[in-house]
Amino acid sequence: MTQALRWQKSTFSGGGDGNTCVEIATHADHVRLRESDVPSTELITSSAQLAHLIRGVKSGLFDATA
């Protein structure tokens, strides 16, 4: 039996019903991400890999340099 995923929006999304955010769901040992306006496309990763990406974004690792 497949368990239904519980998708969550960021509190920064405004809380409305509009399709303007990234949603996240956890299942077993992985994390799923999707854009709310294209819910059929999901990115599946581990929580450790997602944490590494978020740390890189926060530190400016991916900022474009001129």
Protein backbone atom coordinates (compact mmCIF):
# COMPACT_ATOMS: atom_id res chain seq x y z
CA MET A 1 0.00 0.00 0.00
CA THR A 2 1.34 3.42 -0.95
CA GLN A 3 1.13 6.15 1.67
CA ALA A 4 -0.12 9.56 0.49
CA LEU A 5 2.48 12.31 0.71
CA ARG A 6 1.81 15.38 2.85
CA TRP A 7 3.06 18.36 0.82
CA GLN A 8 3.98 21.54 2.68
CA LYS A 9 4.45 25.09 1.42
CA SER A 10 6.93 27.57 2.78
CA THR A 11 5.55 30.17 5.16
CA PHE A 12 7.07 32.72 2.74
CA SER A 13 4.66 31.65 -0.02
CA GLY A 14 1.94 33.92 1.31
CA GLY A 15 -0.34 31.12 2.44
CA GLY A 16 -2.75 31.53 -0.45
CA ASP A 17 -4.00 28.89 -2.81
CA GLY A 18 -2.01 30.26 -5.75
CA ASN A 19 0.65 28.27 -7.54
CA THR A 20 3.65 30.35 -6.52
CA CYS A 21 5.93 28.20 -4.42
CA VAL A 22 8.09 25.15 -3.93
CA GLU A 23 6.50 22.39 -1.89
CA ILE A 24 8.28 19.70 0.13
CA ALA A 25 7.28 16.24 1.37
CA THR A 26 9.27 13.60 3.21
CA HIS A 27 8.90 9.88 2.68
CA ALA A 28 10.99 7.13 4.26
CA ASP A 29 14.63 8.18 3.83
CA HIS A 30 14.20 10.78 1.10
CA VAL A 31 12.82 14.26 0.48
CA ARG A 32 10.64 15.24 -2.47
CA LEU A 33 10.42 18.75 -3.89
CA ARG A 34 8.04 20.12 -6.50
CA GLU A 35 6.94 23.45 -7.90
CA SER A 36 3.28 23.98 -7.11
CA ASP A 37 2.34 24.94 -10.68
CA VAL A 38 3.89 21.68 -12.03
CA PRO A 39 3.04 19.14 -9.31
CA SER A 40 3.62 16.12 -11.56
CA THR A 41 7.37 16.84 -11.72
CA GLU A 42 9.25 15.96 -8.54
CA LEU A 43 12.89 16.16 -7.48
CA ILE A 44 13.84 13.35 -5.09
CA THR A 45 16.92 13.65 -2.88
CA SER A 46 18.19 12.81 0.60
CA SER A 47 17.80 15.20 3.52
CA ALA A 48 21.62 15.43 3.78
CA GLN A 49 21.96 16.47 0.14
CA LEU A 50 19.17 19.04 0.48
CA ALA A 51 20.81 20.48 3.61
CA HIS A 52 24.12 20.77 1.70
CA LEU A 53 22.38 22.64 -1.14
CA ILE A 54 20.64 25.03 1.27
CA ARG A 55 23.92 25.78 3.07
CA GLY A 56 25.54 26.56 -0.30
CA VAL A 57 22.70 28.88 -1.31
CA LYS A 58 22.78 30.71 2.04
CA SER A 59 26.56 31.13 1.88
CA GLY A 60 26.43 32.65 -1.62
CA LEU A 61 28.24 29.71 -3.23
CA PHE A 62 25.98 29.88 -6.29
CA ASP A 63 25.86 33.68 -6.65
CA ALA A 64 26.82 34.87 -10.11
CA THR A 65 29.99 36.90 -10.37
CA ALA A 66 30.37 39.63 -12.94
